[in-house]
Amino acid sequence: MDTDANSTKKGGTYYFGYKGHIGVDAGSKLIRKIAFTPAAPHDSTVLEDLVSEDERSLFGDKAYDRDSLKQMARDDGWYYGILDKGKRK
């Protein structure tokens, strides 16, 4: 048994194992960074591992949304294409 893997529950279904996270160059479609985590940690915990720091844009689903990252993108002049999380009110 793999003692490093763990489980997570999504939509009533349990998943056991690992998740792969991939940083891809949008223009060339080349994989630039990869990270693997056990199933349970939230996807946003690996964002820094996927960024190469020479990007001019960043895209992702709402799991990666961070106000501090959005402000940094505005300050540095690159496109922030991560979906916003829903907020109450």
N, C-alpha and C. Protein backbone atom coordinates (compact mmCIF):
# COMPACT_ATOMS: atom_id res chain seq x y z
N MET A 1 0.84 -1.19 0.00
CA MET A 1 0.00 0.00 0.00
C MET A 1 0.88 1.24 0.00
N ASP A 2 0.47 2.24 -0.75
CA ASP A 2 1.21 3.49 -0.86
C ASP A 2 0.84 4.38 0.33
N THR A 3 1.76 4.61 1.22
CA THR A 3 1.47 5.39 2.43
C THR A 3 1.51 6.89 2.20
N ASP A 4 2.04 7.35 1.05
CA ASP A 4 2.07 8.78 0.75
C ASP A 4 0.76 9.26 0.12
N ALA A 5 0.05 8.39 -0.55
CA ALA A 5 -1.21 8.76 -1.18
C ALA A 5 -2.29 8.90 -0.12
N ASN A 6 -3.32 9.67 -0.44
CA ASN A 6 -4.47 9.78 0.46
C ASN A 6 -5.73 9.98 -0.35
N SER A 7 -6.84 10.22 0.33
CA SER A 7 -8.11 10.31 -0.39
C SER A 7 -8.75 11.67 -0.19
N THR A 8 -9.66 11.96 -1.10
CA THR A 8 -10.47 13.16 -1.02
C THR A 8 -11.86 12.80 -1.53
N LYS A 9 -12.84 13.58 -1.14
CA LYS A 9 -14.22 13.32 -1.55
C LYS A 9 -14.71 14.51 -2.36
N LYS A 10 -15.24 14.24 -3.53
CA LYS A 10 -15.77 15.30 -4.38
C LYS A 10 -17.07 14.80 -4.99
N GLY A 11 -18.14 15.54 -4.76
CA GLY A 11 -19.44 15.17 -5.31
C GLY A 11 -19.94 13.83 -4.83
N GLY A 12 -19.61 13.47 -3.60
CA GLY A 12 -20.08 12.22 -3.03
C GLY A 12 -19.25 11.00 -3.40
N THR A 13 -18.21 11.20 -4.21
CA THR A 13 -17.35 10.10 -4.63
C THR A 13 -15.97 10.28 -4.02
N TYR A 14 -15.41 9.20 -3.51
CA TYR A 14 -14.07 9.24 -2.94
C TYR A 14 -13.04 8.92 -4.02
N TYR A 15 -11.92 9.65 -3.98
CA TYR A 15 -10.81 9.41 -4.89
C TYR A 15 -9.57 9.17 -4.06
N PHE A 16 -8.78 8.18 -4.42
CA PHE A 16 -7.57 7.84 -3.70
C PHE A 16 -6.38 7.93 -4.65
N GLY A 17 -5.30 8.53 -4.18
CA GLY A 17 -4.09 8.57 -5.00
C GLY A 17 -3.45 9.94 -4.99
N TYR A 18 -3.14 10.41 -6.19
CA TYR A 18 -2.40 11.67 -6.38
C TYR A 18 -3.10 12.54 -7.41
N LYS A 19 -2.72 13.83 -7.43
CA LYS A 19 -3.18 14.76 -8.46
C LYS A 19 -1.94 15.32 -9.15
N GLY A 20 -2.03 15.46 -10.47
CA GLY A 20 -0.97 16.09 -11.23
C GLY A 20 -1.37 17.51 -11.60
N HIS A 21 -0.45 18.44 -11.47
CA HIS A 21 -0.70 19.86 -11.78
C HIS A 21 0.34 20.26 -12.83
N ILE A 22 -0.10 20.94 -13.89
CA ILE A 22 0.78 21.22 -15.01
C ILE A 22 0.75 22.71 -15.35
N GLY A 23 1.93 23.30 -15.50
CA GLY A 23 2.08 24.67 -15.99
C GLY A 23 2.49 24.61 -17.45
N VAL A 24 1.65 25.15 -18.35
CA VAL A 24 1.88 25.04 -19.79
C VAL A 24 2.03 26.43 -20.39
N ASP A 25 2.95 26.57 -21.35
CA ASP A 25 3.08 27.80 -22.11
C ASP A 25 1.93 27.87 -23.10
N ALA A 26 1.13 28.94 -23.03
CA ALA A 26 -0.07 29.04 -23.88
C ALA A 26 0.28 29.14 -25.36
N GLY A 27 1.39 29.79 -25.69
CA GLY A 27 1.75 29.97 -27.10
C GLY A 27 2.29 28.71 -27.74
N SER A 28 3.26 28.08 -27.10
CA SER A 28 3.91 26.91 -27.70
C SER A 28 3.28 25.59 -27.29
N LYS A 29 2.43 25.60 -26.26
CA LYS A 29 1.80 24.40 -25.71
C LYS A 29 2.81 23.46 -25.05
N LEU A 30 4.00 23.96 -24.74
CA LEU A 30 5.02 23.15 -24.06
C LEU A 30 4.79 23.15 -22.56
N ILE A 31 4.99 22.00 -21.93
CA ILE A 31 4.90 21.89 -20.48
C ILE A 31 6.16 22.53 -19.89
N ARG A 32 5.97 23.49 -19.00
CA ARG A 32 7.10 24.18 -18.39
C ARG A 32 7.36 23.73 -16.97
N LYS A 33 6.30 23.39 -16.24
CA LYS A 33 6.43 22.97 -14.84
C LYS A 33 5.39 21.89 -14.55
N ILE A 34 5.74 20.97 -13.65
CA ILE A 34 4.78 19.98 -13.19
C ILE A 34 4.94 19.81 -11.68
N ALA A 35 3.87 19.44 -11.04
CA ALA A 35 3.89 19.16 -9.60
C ALA A 35 2.87 18.07 -9.32
N PHE A 36 3.20 17.20 -8.40
CA PHE A 36 2.28 16.15 -7.98
C PHE A 36 2.05 16.26 -6.49
N THR A 37 0.78 16.07 -6.08
CA THR A 37 0.44 16.11 -4.67
C THR A 37 -0.45 14.91 -4.35
N PRO A 38 -0.52 14.52 -3.08
CA PRO A 38 -1.54 13.55 -2.69
C PRO A 38 -2.92 14.13 -3.02
N ALA A 39 -3.93 13.31 -3.02
CA ALA A 39 -5.26 13.74 -3.46
C ALA A 39 -5.89 14.82 -2.59
N ALA A 40 -5.60 14.84 -1.29
CA ALA A 40 -6.34 15.71 -0.37
C ALA A 40 -5.99 17.20 -0.44
N PRO A 41 -4.73 17.64 -0.60
CA PRO A 41 -4.46 19.09 -0.56
C PRO A 41 -5.19 19.84 -1.67
N HIS A 42 -5.61 21.06 -1.36
CA HIS A 42 -6.31 21.91 -2.32
C HIS A 42 -5.38 22.26 -3.47
N ASP A 43 -5.93 22.40 -4.67
CA ASP A 43 -5.13 22.70 -5.85
C ASP A 43 -4.32 23.98 -5.71
N SER A 44 -4.85 24.95 -5.01
CA SER A 44 -4.17 26.25 -4.91
C SER A 44 -2.83 26.17 -4.16
N THR A 45 -2.57 25.09 -3.45
CA THR A 45 -1.33 24.99 -2.68
C THR A 45 -0.10 24.83 -3.57
N VAL A 46 -0.28 24.53 -4.85
CA VAL A 46 0.86 24.33 -5.74
C VAL A 46 1.04 25.44 -6.76
N LEU A 47 0.27 26.51 -6.65
CA LEU A 47 0.34 27.58 -7.65
C LEU A 47 1.76 28.11 -7.82
N GLU A 48 2.45 28.41 -6.74
CA GLU A 48 3.80 28.95 -6.85
C GLU A 48 4.75 27.97 -7.54
N ASP A 49 4.51 26.68 -7.39
CA ASP A 49 5.36 25.68 -8.03
C ASP A 49 5.15 25.62 -9.54
N LEU A 50 4.03 26.13 -10.03
CA LEU A 50 3.71 26.06 -11.45
C LEU A 50 4.08 27.32 -12.22
N VAL A 51 4.41 28.39 -11.53
CA VAL A 51 4.73 29.66 -12.17
C VAL A 51 6.24 29.74 -12.41
N SER A 52 6.62 30.10 -13.64
CA SER A 52 8.04 30.22 -14.00
C SER A 52 8.60 31.61 -13.75
N GLU A 53 7.74 32.57 -13.48
CA GLU A 53 8.07 33.95 -13.16
C GLU A 53 8.53 34.79 -14.35
N ASP A 54 8.40 34.27 -15.56
CA ASP A 54 8.65 35.09 -16.74
C ASP A 54 7.39 35.19 -17.62
N GLU A 55 6.26 34.80 -17.05
CA GLU A 55 5.01 34.83 -17.77
C GLU A 55 4.56 36.28 -18.02
N ARG A 56 3.77 36.43 -19.09
CA ARG A 56 3.10 37.70 -19.34
C ARG A 56 1.61 37.56 -19.13
N SER A 57 1.16 36.33 -18.87
CA SER A 57 -0.25 36.08 -18.55
C SER A 57 -0.32 34.81 -17.73
N LEU A 58 -1.42 34.70 -16.99
CA LEU A 58 -1.64 33.53 -16.14
C LEU A 58 -3.10 33.17 -16.21
N PHE A 59 -3.40 31.91 -16.53
CA PHE A 59 -4.77 31.43 -16.64
C PHE A 59 -4.98 30.27 -15.70
N GLY A 60 -6.18 30.14 -15.17
CA GLY A 60 -6.50 29.02 -14.30
C GLY A 60 -7.94 29.08 -13.87
N ASP A 61 -8.40 28.01 -13.25
CA ASP A 61 -9.77 28.02 -12.75
C ASP A 61 -9.81 28.73 -11.39
N LYS A 62 -11.00 28.85 -10.83
CA LYS A 62 -11.18 29.66 -9.63
C LYS A 62 -10.49 29.09 -8.39
N ALA A 63 -10.01 27.86 -8.45
CA ALA A 63 -9.28 27.30 -7.32
C ALA A 63 -7.98 28.07 -7.06
N TYR A 64 -7.45 28.72 -8.09
CA TYR A 64 -6.17 29.43 -7.97
C TYR A 64 -6.33 30.93 -7.71
N ASP A 65 -7.55 31.42 -7.56
CA ASP A 65 -7.82 32.85 -7.36
C ASP A 65 -7.20 33.37 -6.07
N ARG A 66 -6.44 34.46 -6.19
CA ARG A 66 -5.86 35.14 -5.03
C ARG A 66 -5.83 36.64 -5.29
N ASP A 67 -6.35 37.41 -4.36
CA ASP A 67 -6.35 38.86 -4.53
C ASP A 67 -4.94 39.42 -4.62
N SER A 68 -4.01 38.87 -3.84
CA SER A 68 -2.63 39.37 -3.87
C SER A 68 -1.98 39.12 -5.23
N LEU A 69 -2.28 38.00 -5.84
CA LEU A 69 -1.74 37.68 -7.16
C LEU A 69 -2.35 38.58 -8.22
N LYS A 70 -3.64 38.86 -8.10
CA LYS A 70 -4.30 39.76 -9.05
C LYS A 70 -3.70 41.16 -8.98
N GLN A 71 -3.42 41.63 -7.77
CA GLN A 71 -2.82 42.96 -7.62
C GLN A 71 -1.40 42.98 -8.18
N MET A 72 -0.63 41.92 -7.96
CA MET A 72 0.72 41.84 -8.50
C MET A 72 0.69 41.86 -10.03
N ALA A 73 -0.27 41.17 -10.62
CA ALA A 73 -0.41 41.17 -12.08
C ALA A 73 -0.69 42.58 -12.59
N ARG A 74 -1.58 43.28 -11.93
CA ARG A 74 -1.88 44.66 -12.35
C ARG A 74 -0.66 45.57 -12.20
N ASP A 75 0.06 45.43 -11.11
CA ASP A 75 1.24 46.26 -10.87
C ASP A 75 2.35 45.99 -11.89
N ASP A 76 2.51 44.71 -12.26
CA ASP A 76 3.60 44.33 -13.16
C ASP A 76 3.20 44.34 -14.63
N GLY A 77 1.92 44.58 -14.93
CA GLY A 77 1.47 44.74 -16.30
C GLY A 77 1.26 43.45 -17.09
N TRP A 78 0.94 42.35 -16.43
CA TRP A 78 0.63 41.14 -17.17
C TRP A 78 -0.81 40.74 -16.96
N TYR A 79 -1.32 39.90 -17.86
CA TYR A 79 -2.74 39.56 -17.88
C TYR A 79 -3.06 38.50 -16.83
N TYR A 80 -4.06 38.78 -16.00
CA TYR A 80 -4.52 37.86 -14.96
C TYR A 80 -5.80 37.21 -15.46
N GLY A 81 -5.71 35.97 -15.92
CA GLY A 81 -6.86 35.27 -16.50
C GLY A 81 -7.41 34.17 -15.61
N ILE A 82 -7.25 34.31 -14.30
CA ILE A 82 -7.80 33.32 -13.38
C ILE A 82 -9.22 33.73 -13.02
N LEU A 83 -10.15 32.78 -13.10
CA LEU A 83 -11.54 33.07 -12.78
C LEU A 83 -11.69 33.53 -11.35
N ASP A 84 -12.59 34.47 -11.11
CA ASP A 84 -12.87 34.95 -9.76
C ASP A 84 -13.77 33.96 -9.03
N LYS A 85 -13.53 33.80 -7.74
CA LYS A 85 -14.42 33.00 -6.90
C LYS A 85 -15.69 33.78 -6.66
N GLY A 86 -16.79 33.08 -6.50
CA GLY A 86 -18.04 33.73 -6.14
C GLY A 86 -17.96 34.28 -4.72
N LYS A 87 -18.50 35.47 -4.52
CA LYS A 87 -18.48 36.09 -3.21
C LYS A 87 -19.90 36.44 -2.80
N ARG A 88 -20.16 36.33 -1.53
CA ARG A 88 -21.49 36.71 -1.04
C ARG A 88 -21.68 38.21 -1.15
N LYS A 89 -22.90 38.58 -1.46
CA LYS A 89 -23.31 39.98 -1.58
C LYS A 89 -22.55 40.63 -2.70
